[in-house]
Amino acid sequence: MEIRHFRYFLAVAQHCNFTRAAEVLGIAPPTLSRQIQDLENALGVRLFVRKQRQVSLTEAGQALLPEADATVRQFELAQRHAQRAGRGETGHIELGYVASAVYSGVLQRQVQAYAQESAEVSLSVREAPMASLPTMVAEGRFDLGYVRSPMALPPELEAIRLNSEGFVLAIAADAWLTRLKHISAEHLQHETFILPEQISGTLHVAAQGGYAPKLGAQPGGLVAVIALVSLNRGVAVVPASVVGHISLPNVLYRTIEGCDATSWLSLIYRRFEKSAAVVRYIDKVKREAG
């Protein structure tokens, strides 16, 4: 007995005629008749009273009717759910990000665009330390991660390069540097650098000035970095997107003359990802990134 037998039974019960039911099903009447006989033989009961031009349900057929209808509906529902899951239209994604993904607007834009197309995929979005985020993705604690590159990644991960941006210098409002019309890398030789999670900008500025940087604390997220600057603990080379997004008392942002260093956001993911919902997200970001 197969689900098609129930579908054939329901069609005959609805039309009370083998010929009309066969037309709706797209099969020959003799074939339909044999399928109903197979169902009756399997159940060991008669389901229809056959007359010359129409049929009617027996008591056993009437008992089977609601059960067969529910079975077919549940099967079709399960089939649709499986197909949608296979297309990545349902499921769950754990997504981690660093703060600058929010300041740049990339996180909001891409998450919202995906959510509009895949409304039945649940998204859990959490900030995470950048140093540990790649490992968390590789180990499956996150499915995807937004990090600031360049950075080394585990071999099982790949990355999609997103928007690039330059760096600015965060300084205390009462620092001596504010008296300069232009600030160059050389002016920062004796400054203490508060380190963000992505230190490539700091290293580039020091290399440009020809000195080894005096390194201060590395407190974590960008708000914590700027907070230490506001307390006069040092200066910080930070992504330009923080300007206008992190505004703390006693902090000013200045360009660094001649500094052409850049960093970029990357979406990182497992190289052999199996979740259709996650693959759908990755493919969407790839298309946007070009």
C-alpha atoms as a PDB file:
ATOM      1  CA  MET A   1       0.000   0.000   0.000  1.00  0.00           C
ATOM      2  CA  GLU A   2       1.404   3.387  -1.035  1.00  0.00           C
ATOM      3  CA  ILE A   3       0.314   6.998  -0.689  1.00  0.00           C
ATOM      4  CA  ARG A   4      -0.880   6.964  -4.303  1.00  0.00           C
ATOM      5  CA  HIS A   5      -3.496   4.387  -3.377  1.00  0.00           C
ATOM      6  CA  PHE A   6      -5.007   6.862  -0.932  1.00  0.00           C
ATOM      7  CA  ARG A   7      -4.899   9.618  -3.556  1.00  0.00           C
ATOM      8  CA  TYR A   8      -6.725   7.373  -6.039  1.00  0.00           C
ATOM      9  CA  PHE A   9      -9.264   6.392  -3.389  1.00  0.00           C
ATOM     10  CA  LEU A  10      -9.948  10.050  -2.550  1.00  0.00           C
ATOM     11  CA  ALA A  11     -10.409  10.970  -6.211  1.00  0.00           C
ATOM     12  CA  VAL A  12     -12.972   8.215  -6.770  1.00  0.00           C
ATOM     13  CA  ALA A  13     -14.767   9.096  -3.532  1.00  0.00           C
ATOM     14  CA  GLN A  14     -14.960  12.741  -4.585  1.00  0.00           C
ATOM     15  CA  HIS A  15     -16.233  12.176  -8.142  1.00  0.00           C
ATOM     16  CA  CYS A  16     -18.234   8.958  -7.511  1.00  0.00           C
ATOM     17  CA  ASN A  17     -17.141   7.860 -10.960  1.00  0.00           C
ATOM     18  CA  PHE A  18     -14.049   5.986 -12.105  1.00  0.00           C
ATOM     19  CA  THR A  19     -13.895   7.658 -15.518  1.00  0.00           C
ATOM     20  CA  ARG A  20     -14.045  11.236 -14.183  1.00  0.00           C
ATOM     21  CA  ALA A  21     -11.595  10.422 -11.397  1.00  0.00           C
ATOM     22  CA  ALA A  22      -9.174   8.849 -13.902  1.00  0.00           C
ATOM     23  CA  GLU A  23      -9.332  11.990 -16.069  1.00  0.00           C
ATOM     24  CA  VAL A  24      -8.464  14.190 -13.084  1.00  0.00           C
ATOM     25  CA  LEU A  25      -5.618  11.885 -12.096  1.00  0.00           C
ATOM     26  CA  GLY A  26      -4.324  11.615 -15.651  1.00  0.00           C
ATOM     27  CA  ILE A  27      -4.432   7.810 -15.786  1.00  0.00           C
ATOM     28  CA  ALA A  28      -6.547   5.273 -17.696  1.00  0.00           C
ATOM     29  CA  PRO A  29      -9.785   4.081 -16.025  1.00  0.00           C
ATOM     30  CA  PRO A  30      -8.720   0.397 -16.077  1.00  0.00           C
ATOM     31  CA  THR A  31      -5.483   1.351 -14.304  1.00  0.00           C
ATOM     32  CA  LEU A  32      -7.419   3.278 -11.660  1.00  0.00           C
ATOM     33  CA  SER A  33      -9.800   0.365 -11.186  1.00  0.00           C
ATOM     34  CA  ARG A  34      -6.885  -2.019 -10.625  1.00  0.00           C
ATOM     35  CA  GLN A  35      -5.274   0.329  -8.107  1.00  0.00           C
ATOM     36  CA  ILE A  36      -8.499   0.538  -6.097  1.00  0.00           C
ATOM     37  CA  GLN A  37      -8.806  -3.252  -6.198  1.00  0.00           C
ATOM     38  CA  ASP A  38      -5.225  -3.537  -4.916  1.00  0.00           C
ATOM     39  CA  LEU A  39      -6.103  -1.193  -2.046  1.00  0.00           C
ATOM     40  CA  GLU A  40      -9.223  -3.192  -1.204  1.00  0.00           C
ATOM     41  CA  ASN A  41      -7.258  -6.452  -1.309  1.00  0.00           C
ATOM     42  CA  ALA A  42      -4.590  -5.004   0.972  1.00  0.00           C
ATOM     43  CA  LEU A  43      -7.197  -3.831   3.473  1.00  0.00           C
ATOM     44  CA  GLY A  44      -9.378  -6.916   3.101  1.00  0.00           C
ATOM     45  CA  VAL A  45     -12.568  -4.847   2.699  1.00  0.00           C
ATOM     46  CA  ARG A  46     -14.734  -3.394  -0.079  1.00  0.00           C
ATOM     47  CA  LEU A  47     -14.493   0.360  -0.271  1.00  0.00           C
ATOM     48  CA  PHE A  48     -16.981   1.098  -3.045  1.00  0.00           C
ATOM     49  CA  VAL A  49     -20.331  -0.174  -4.215  1.00  0.00           C
ATOM     50  CA  ARG A  50     -19.939  -0.258  -7.974  1.00  0.00           C
ATOM     51  CA  LYS A  51     -22.909   0.584 -10.188  1.00  0.00           C
ATOM     52  CA  GLN A  52     -23.098   1.002 -13.945  1.00  0.00           C
ATOM     53  CA  ARG A  53     -22.225   4.718 -14.086  1.00  0.00           C
ATOM     54  CA  GLN A  54     -21.325   5.689 -10.576  1.00  0.00           C
ATOM     55  CA  VAL A  55     -19.944   4.330  -7.357  1.00  0.00           C
ATOM     56  CA  SER A  56     -20.663   5.009  -3.699  1.00  0.00           C
ATOM     57  CA  LEU A  57     -18.723   4.410  -0.524  1.00  0.00           C
ATOM     58  CA  THR A  58     -19.307   1.368   1.601  1.00  0.00           C
ATOM     59  CA  GLU A  59     -19.281   1.698   5.385  1.00  0.00           C
ATOM     60  CA  ALA A  60     -15.574   0.771   5.351  1.00  0.00           C
ATOM     61  CA  GLY A  61     -14.962   3.391   2.674  1.00  0.00           C
ATOM     62  CA  GLN A  62     -16.720   6.046   4.738  1.00  0.00           C
ATOM     63  CA  ALA A  63     -14.542   5.141   7.719  1.00  0.00           C
ATOM     64  CA  LEU A  64     -11.391   5.327   5.606  1.00  0.00           C
ATOM     65  CA  LEU A  65     -12.258   8.648   3.929  1.00  0.00           C
ATOM     66  CA  PRO A  66     -11.243  11.136   6.692  1.00  0.00           C
ATOM     67  CA  GLU A  67      -8.180   9.091   7.616  1.00  0.00           C
ATOM     68  CA  ALA A  68      -6.996   8.852   4.020  1.00  0.00           C
ATOM     69  CA  ASP A  69      -7.566  12.573   3.531  1.00  0.00           C
ATOM     70  CA  ALA A  70      -5.549  13.417   6.683  1.00  0.00           C
ATOM     71  CA  THR A  71      -2.771  11.025   5.658  1.00  0.00           C
ATOM     72  CA  VAL A  72      -2.420  12.553   2.190  1.00  0.00           C
ATOM     73  CA  ARG A  73      -2.467  16.088   3.600  1.00  0.00           C
ATOM     74  CA  GLN A  74       0.189  15.251   6.186  1.00  0.00           C
ATOM     75  CA  PHE A  75       2.347  13.555   3.564  1.00  0.00           C
ATOM     76  CA  GLU A  76       2.130  16.567   1.255  1.00  0.00           C
ATOM     77  CA  LEU A  77       2.922  18.906   4.151  1.00  0.00           C
ATOM     78  CA  ALA A  78       5.972  16.835   5.088  1.00  0.00           C
ATOM     79  CA  GLN A  79       7.032  16.798   1.450  1.00  0.00           C
ATOM     80  CA  ARG A  80       6.772  20.583   1.198  1.00  0.00           C
ATOM     81  CA  HIS A  81       8.707  21.064   4.437  1.00  0.00           C
ATOM     82  CA  ALA A  82      11.487  18.790   3.238  1.00  0.00           C
ATOM     83  CA  GLN A  83      11.660  20.529  -0.130  1.00  0.00           C
ATOM     84  CA  ARG A  84      11.764  23.979   1.485  1.00  0.00           C
ATOM     85  CA  ALA A  85      14.475  22.891   3.893  1.00  0.00           C
ATOM     86  CA  GLY A  86      16.440  21.460   0.971  1.00  0.00           C
ATOM     87  CA  ARG A  87      16.199  24.824  -0.790  1.00  0.00           C
ATOM     88  CA  GLY A  88      17.355  26.653   2.336  1.00  0.00           C
ATOM     89  CA  GLU A  89      13.994  28.336   2.904  1.00  0.00           C
ATOM     90  CA  THR A  90      13.676  27.027   6.474  1.00  0.00           C
ATOM     91  CA  GLY A  91      16.181  26.321   9.214  1.00  0.00           C
ATOM     92  CA  HIS A  92      18.342  28.202  11.702  1.00  0.00           C
ATOM     93  CA  ILE A  93      21.566  30.210  11.424  1.00  0.00           C
ATOM     94  CA  GLU A  94      23.926  31.225  14.233  1.00  0.00           C
ATOM     95  CA  LEU A  95      25.761  34.354  13.111  1.00  0.00           C
ATOM     96  CA  GLY A  96      28.620  36.095  14.919  1.00  0.00           C
ATOM     97  CA  TYR A  97      30.015  39.546  14.172  1.00  0.00           C
ATOM     98  CA  VAL A  98      32.514  42.163  15.274  1.00  0.00           C
ATOM     99  CA  ALA A  99      31.289  45.638  16.123  1.00  0.00           C
ATOM    100  CA  SER A 100      32.633  47.347  13.022  1.00  0.00           C
ATOM    101  CA  ALA A 101      30.286  45.226  10.913  1.00  0.00           C
ATOM    102  CA  VAL A 102      27.473  47.152  12.599  1.00  0.00           C
ATOM    103  CA  TYR A 103      29.124  50.568  12.257  1.00  0.00           C
ATOM    104  CA  SER A 104      29.620  50.040   8.523  1.00  0.00           C
ATOM    105  CA  GLY A 105      25.980  48.987   8.026  1.00  0.00           C
ATOM    106  CA  VAL A 106      27.011  45.802   6.224  1.00  0.00           C
ATOM    107  CA  LEU A 107      25.591  43.496   8.892  1.00  0.00           C
ATOM    108  CA  GLN A 108      22.198  45.198   8.949  1.00  0.00           C
ATOM    109  CA  ARG A 109      21.879  45.340   5.180  1.00  0.00           C
ATOM    110  CA  GLN A 110      22.794  41.729   4.518  1.00  0.00           C
ATOM    111  CA  VAL A 111      20.885  40.198   7.426  1.00  0.00           C
ATOM    112  CA  GLN A 112      17.726  42.137   6.589  1.00  0.00           C
ATOM    113  CA  ALA A 113      17.952  41.300   2.886  1.00  0.00           C
ATOM    114  CA  TYR A 114      18.309  37.607   3.693  1.00  0.00           C
ATOM    115  CA  ALA A 115      15.477  37.696   6.239  1.00  0.00           C
ATOM    116  CA  GLN A 116      13.119  39.218   3.671  1.00  0.00           C
ATOM    117  CA  GLU A 117      13.780  36.380   1.224  1.00  0.00           C
ATOM    118  CA  SER A 118      13.899  33.596   3.832  1.00  0.00           C
ATOM    119  CA  ALA A 119      11.342  34.636   6.420  1.00  0.00           C
ATOM    120  CA  GLU A 120      11.083  31.154   7.924  1.00  0.00           C
ATOM    121  CA  VAL A 121      14.817  30.835   8.624  1.00  0.00           C
ATOM    122  CA  SER A 122      15.502  31.930  12.205  1.00  0.00           C
ATOM    123  CA  LEU A 123      18.637  34.031  12.673  1.00  0.00           C
ATOM    124  CA  SER A 124      20.499  34.341  15.969  1.00  0.00           C
ATOM    125  CA  VAL A 125      22.913  37.290  15.712  1.00  0.00           C
ATOM    126  CA  ARG A 126      25.512  37.905  18.442  1.00  0.00           C
ATOM    127  CA  GLU A 127      28.667  39.980  18.833  1.00  0.00           C
ATOM    128  CA  ALA A 128      31.787  37.928  19.503  1.00  0.00           C
ATOM    129  CA  PRO A 129      35.509  38.592  20.095  1.00  0.00           C
ATOM    130  CA  MET A 130      37.248  38.731  16.745  1.00  0.00           C
ATOM    131  CA  ALA A 131      40.221  36.664  17.899  1.00  0.00           C
ATOM    132  CA  SER A 132      37.999  33.687  18.718  1.00  0.00           C
ATOM    133  CA  LEU A 133      35.307  34.104  16.068  1.00  0.00           C
ATOM    134  CA  PRO A 134      37.083  32.107  13.300  1.00  0.00           C
ATOM    135  CA  THR A 135      37.626  29.167  15.651  1.00  0.00           C
ATOM    136  CA  MET A 136      33.999  29.343  16.778  1.00  0.00           C
ATOM    137  CA  VAL A 137      32.853  29.149  13.151  1.00  0.00           C
ATOM    138  CA  ALA A 138      35.242  26.288  12.386  1.00  0.00           C
ATOM    139  CA  GLU A 139      33.994  24.355  15.421  1.00  0.00           C
ATOM    140  CA  GLY A 140      30.322  24.949  14.583  1.00  0.00           C
ATOM    141  CA  ARG A 141      29.448  27.270  17.464  1.00  0.00           C
ATOM    142  CA  PHE A 142      28.646  29.865  14.802  1.00  0.00           C
ATOM    143  CA  ASP A 143      27.600  29.113  11.233  1.00  0.00           C
ATOM    144  CA  LEU A 144      28.850  32.417   9.830  1.00  0.00           C
ATOM    145  CA  GLY A 145      30.987  35.285  11.065  1.00  0.00           C
ATOM    146  CA  TYR A 146      31.699  38.875  10.098  1.00  0.00           C
ATOM    147  CA  VAL A 147      35.325  39.725  10.885  1.00  0.00           C
ATOM    148  CA  ARG A 148      37.687  42.551  10.022  1.00  0.00           C
ATOM    149  CA  SER A 149      40.467  41.457   7.692  1.00  0.00           C
ATOM    150  CA  PRO A 150      43.282  40.906   7.021  1.00  0.00           C
ATOM    151  CA  MET A 151      43.549  38.073   9.516  1.00  0.00           C
ATOM    152  CA  ALA A 152      44.709  34.464   9.516  1.00  0.00           C
ATOM    153  CA  LEU A 153      41.940  31.871   9.229  1.00  0.00           C
ATOM    154  CA  PRO A 154      41.805  28.144  10.010  1.00  0.00           C
ATOM    155  CA  PRO A 155      42.271  26.044   6.849  1.00  0.00           C
ATOM    156  CA  GLU A 156      38.682  24.789   6.923  1.00  0.00           C
ATOM    157  CA  LEU A 157      37.292  28.318   6.509  1.00  0.00           C
ATOM    158  CA  GLU A 158      36.842  30.552   3.494  1.00  0.00           C
ATOM    159  CA  ALA A 159      36.085  34.273   3.372  1.00  0.00           C
ATOM    160  CA  ILE A 160      34.143  36.647   1.133  1.00  0.00           C
ATOM    161  CA  ARG A 161      35.758  40.074   0.958  1.00  0.00           C
ATOM    162  CA  LEU A 162      33.275  42.881   1.509  1.00  0.00           C
ATOM    163  CA  ASN A 163      33.688  46.653   1.838  1.00  0.00           C
ATOM    164  CA  SER A 164      37.108  48.236   2.344  1.00  0.00           C
ATOM    165  CA  GLU A 165      37.788  51.333   4.407  1.00  0.00           C
ATOM    166  CA  GLY A 166      40.688  53.362   5.694  1.00  0.00           C
ATOM    167  CA  PHE A 167      41.757  54.241   9.227  1.00  0.00           C
ATOM    168  CA  VAL A 168      41.496  57.317  11.414  1.00  0.00           C
ATOM    169  CA  LEU A 169      43.293  58.311  14.584  1.00  0.00           C
ATOM    170  CA  ALA A 170      41.340  58.594  17.838  1.00  0.00           C
ATOM    171  CA  ILE A 171      42.938  61.032  20.273  1.00  0.00           C
ATOM    172  CA  ALA A 172      41.956  62.709  23.523  1.00  0.00           C
ATOM    173  CA  ALA A 173      40.489  66.187  23.011  1.00  0.00           C
ATOM    174  CA  ASP A 174      43.148  67.711  25.259  1.00  0.00           C
ATOM    175  CA  ALA A 175      46.110  65.858  23.719  1.00  0.00           C
ATOM    176  CA  TRP A 176      49.005  67.878  22.329  1.00  0.00           C
ATOM    177  CA  LEU A 177      48.307  66.373  18.899  1.00  0.00           C
ATOM    178  CA  THR A 178      45.170  68.519  18.585  1.00  0.00           C
ATOM    179  CA  ARG A 179      47.383  71.563  18.119  1.00  0.00           C
ATOM    180  CA  LEU A 180      48.757  70.146  14.868  1.00  0.00           C
ATOM    181  CA  LYS A 181      47.064  71.081  11.611  1.00  0.00           C
ATOM    182  CA  HIS A 182      48.181  67.810  10.035  1.00  0.00           C
ATOM    183  CA  ILE A 183      49.087  64.632  11.915  1.00  0.00           C
ATOM    184  CA  SER A 184      51.565  62.264  10.291  1.00  0.00           C
ATOM    185  CA  ALA A 185      52.868  58.857  11.317  1.00  0.00           C
ATOM    186  CA  GLU A 186      56.084  60.458  12.523  1.00  0.00           C
ATOM    187  CA  HIS A 187      54.194  62.573  15.060  1.00  0.00           C
ATOM    188  CA  LEU A 188      53.000  59.391  16.773  1.00  0.00           C
ATOM    189  CA  GLN A 189      56.417  57.876  17.419  1.00  0.00           C
ATOM    190  CA  HIS A 190      56.323  58.428  21.182  1.00  0.00           C
ATOM    191  CA  GLU A 191      52.606  57.812  21.658  1.00  0.00           C
ATOM    192  CA  THR A 192      51.128  54.748  23.334  1.00  0.00           C
ATOM    193  CA  PHE A 193      48.846  52.893  20.951  1.00  0.00           C
ATOM    194  CA  ILE A 194      45.658  51.407  22.389  1.00  0.00           C
ATOM    195  CA  LEU A 195      45.072  48.316  20.273  1.00  0.00           C
ATOM    196  CA  PRO A 196      41.778  47.355  18.666  1.00  0.00           C
ATOM    197  CA  GLU A 197      41.148  43.730  17.783  1.00  0.00           C
ATOM    198  CA  GLN A 198      42.416  44.392  14.239  1.00  0.00           C
ATOM    199  CA  ILE A 199      45.948  45.794  14.693  1.00  0.00           C
ATOM    200  CA  SER A 200      46.979  46.011  11.034  1.00  0.00           C
ATOM    201  CA  GLY A 201      46.296  49.763  10.935  1.00  0.00           C
ATOM    202  CA  THR A 202      48.521  50.368  13.958  1.00  0.00           C
ATOM    203  CA  LEU A 203      51.353  48.323  12.487  1.00  0.00           C
ATOM    204  CA  HIS A 204      51.035  50.089   9.119  1.00  0.00           C
ATOM    205  CA  VAL A 205      51.239  53.547  10.720  1.00  0.00           C
ATOM    206  CA  ALA A 206      54.313  52.566  12.729  1.00  0.00           C
ATOM    207  CA  ALA A 207      55.980  51.089   9.657  1.00  0.00           C
ATOM    208  CA  GLN A 208      55.184  54.254   7.720  1.00  0.00           C
ATOM    209  CA  GLY A 209      56.852  56.313  10.446  1.00  0.00           C
ATOM    210  CA  GLY A 210      59.826  53.953  10.624  1.00  0.00           C
ATOM    211  CA  TYR A 211      59.580  52.943  14.286  1.00  0.00           C
ATOM    212  CA  ALA A 212      58.380  50.122  16.525  1.00  0.00           C
ATOM    213  CA  PRO A 213      55.089  51.174  18.106  1.00  0.00           C
ATOM    214  CA  LYS A 214      54.744  51.571  21.848  1.00  0.00           C
ATOM    215  CA  LEU A 215      51.875  49.207  22.561  1.00  0.00           C
ATOM    216  CA  GLY A 216      49.292  49.783  25.245  1.00  0.00           C
ATOM    217  CA  ALA A 217      46.246  47.792  26.290  1.00  0.00           C
ATOM    218  CA  GLN A 218      44.104  45.731  23.930  1.00  0.00           C
ATOM    219  CA  PRO A 219      40.755  45.938  25.737  1.00  0.00           C
ATOM    220  CA  GLY A 220      38.579  44.236  23.132  1.00  0.00           C
ATOM    221  CA  GLY A 221      35.780  45.927  21.188  1.00  0.00           C
ATOM    222  CA  LEU A 222      36.026  49.361  19.637  1.00  0.00           C
ATOM    223  CA  VAL A 223      33.941  51.079  22.298  1.00  0.00           C
ATOM    224  CA  ALA A 224      36.380  49.837  24.948  1.00  0.00           C
ATOM    225  CA  VAL A 225      39.307  51.070  22.827  1.00  0.00           C
ATOM    226  CA  ILE A 226      37.823  54.550  22.404  1.00  0.00           C
ATOM    227  CA  ALA A 227      36.954  54.631  26.110  1.00  0.00           C
ATOM    228  CA  LEU A 228      40.649  54.254  26.997  1.00  0.00           C
ATOM    229  CA  VAL A 229      41.494  57.028  24.543  1.00  0.00           C
ATOM    230  CA  SER A 230      38.961  59.260  26.290  1.00  0.00           C
ATOM    231  CA  LEU A 231      40.788  58.524  29.557  1.00  0.00           C
ATOM    232  CA  ASN A 232      44.069  59.750  28.021  1.00  0.00           C
ATOM    233  CA  ARG A 233      45.652  56.285  28.081  1.00  0.00           C
ATOM    234  CA  GLY A 234      46.911  56.635  24.519  1.00  0.00           C
ATOM    235  CA  VAL A 235      45.876  57.012  20.884  1.00  0.00           C
ATOM    236  CA  ALA A 236      44.185  54.432  18.658  1.00  0.00           C
ATOM    237  CA  VAL A 237      44.199  53.673  14.934  1.00  0.00           C
ATOM    238  CA  VAL A 238      40.638  52.557  14.207  1.00  0.00           C
ATOM    239  CA  PRO A 239      38.437  51.902  11.150  1.00  0.00           C
ATOM    240  CA  ALA A 240      37.005  55.087   9.654  1.00  0.00           C
ATOM    241  CA  SER A 241      33.438  53.791  10.062  1.00  0.00           C
ATOM    242  CA  VAL A 242      33.568  54.484  13.804  1.00  0.00           C
ATOM    243  CA  VAL A 243      33.378  58.219  13.093  1.00  0.00           C
ATOM    244  CA  GLY A 244      29.798  59.258  13.710  1.00  0.00           C
ATOM    245  CA  HIS A 245      28.999  55.989  15.459  1.00  0.00           C
ATOM    246  CA  ILE A 246      31.176  56.081  18.573  1.00  0.00           C
ATOM    247  CA  SER A 247      31.016  59.516  20.122  1.00  0.00           C
ATOM    248  CA  LEU A 248      32.514  59.680  23.609  1.00  0.00           C
ATOM    249  CA  PRO A 249      33.418  62.690  25.731  1.00  0.00           C
ATOM    250  CA  ASN A 250      37.004  63.919  25.350  1.00  0.00           C
ATOM    251  CA  VAL A 251      37.595  62.055  22.057  1.00  0.00           C
ATOM    252  CA  LEU A 252      38.376  63.505  18.639  1.00  0.00           C
ATOM    253  CA  TYR A 253      39.040  61.766  15.337  1.00  0.00           C
ATOM    254  CA  ARG A 254      41.751  62.930  12.947  1.00  0.00           C
ATOM    255  CA  THR A 255      43.049  61.711   9.606  1.00  0.00           C
ATOM    256  CA  ILE A 256      46.632  60.461   9.452  1.00  0.00           C
ATOM    257  CA  GLU A 257      48.457  62.254   6.673  1.00  0.00           C
ATOM    258  CA  GLY A 258      49.709  59.907   3.970  1.00  0.00           C
ATOM    259  CA  CYS A 259      48.189  56.814   5.562  1.00  0.00           C
ATOM    260  CA  ASP A 260      46.815  54.591   2.809  1.00  0.00           C
ATOM    261  CA  ALA A 261      46.261  51.482   4.929  1.00  0.00           C
ATOM    262  CA  THR A 262      42.932  49.758   4.510  1.00  0.00           C
ATOM    263  CA  SER A 263      41.018  46.960   6.148  1.00  0.00           C
ATOM    264  CA  TRP A 264      37.871  45.222   5.061  1.00  0.00           C
ATOM    265  CA  LEU A 265      35.024  43.215   6.435  1.00  0.00           C
ATOM    266  CA  SER A 266      34.843  39.546   5.507  1.00  0.00           C
ATOM    267  CA  LEU A 267      32.108  36.988   5.857  1.00  0.00           C
ATOM    268  CA  ILE A 268      33.750  33.760   6.979  1.00  0.00           C
ATOM    269  CA  TYR A 269      32.179  30.323   6.603  1.00  0.00           C
ATOM    270  CA  ARG A 270      33.051  26.638   6.610  1.00  0.00           C
ATOM    271  CA  ARG A 271      34.517  25.441   3.317  1.00  0.00           C
ATOM    272  CA  PHE A 272      32.265  22.368   3.126  1.00  0.00           C
ATOM    273  CA  GLU A 273      29.064  23.791   4.584  1.00  0.00           C
ATOM    274  CA  LYS A 274      26.105  21.377   4.441  1.00  0.00           C
ATOM    275  CA  SER A 275      23.201  23.446   5.774  1.00  0.00           C
ATOM    276  CA  ALA A 276      21.076  24.618   2.852  1.00  0.00           C
ATOM    277  CA  ALA A 277      19.964  27.716   4.785  1.00  0.00           C
ATOM    278  CA  VAL A 278      23.574  28.729   5.445  1.00  0.00           C
ATOM    279  CA  VAL A 279      24.623  28.016   1.852  1.00  0.00           C
ATOM    280  CA  ARG A 280      21.736  30.202   0.682  1.00  0.00           C
ATOM    281  CA  TYR A 281      23.066  33.062   2.854  1.00  0.00           C
ATOM    282  CA  ILE A 282      26.609  32.571   1.552  1.00  0.00           C
ATOM    283  CA  ASP A 283      25.456  32.550  -2.075  1.00  0.00           C
ATOM    284  CA  LYS A 284      23.466  35.746  -1.566  1.00  0.00           C
ATOM    285  CA  VAL A 285      26.474  37.553  -0.090  1.00  0.00           C
ATOM    286  CA  LYS A 286      28.701  36.271  -2.910  1.00  0.00           C
ATOM    287  CA  ARG A 287      26.309  37.674  -5.519  1.00  0.00           C
ATOM    288  CA  GLU A 288      26.271  41.038  -3.759  1.00  0.00           C
ATOM    289  CA  ALA A 289      30.060  41.109  -3.452  1.00  0.00           C
ATOM    290  CA  GLY A 290      30.343  40.394  -7.188  1.00  0.00           C
END
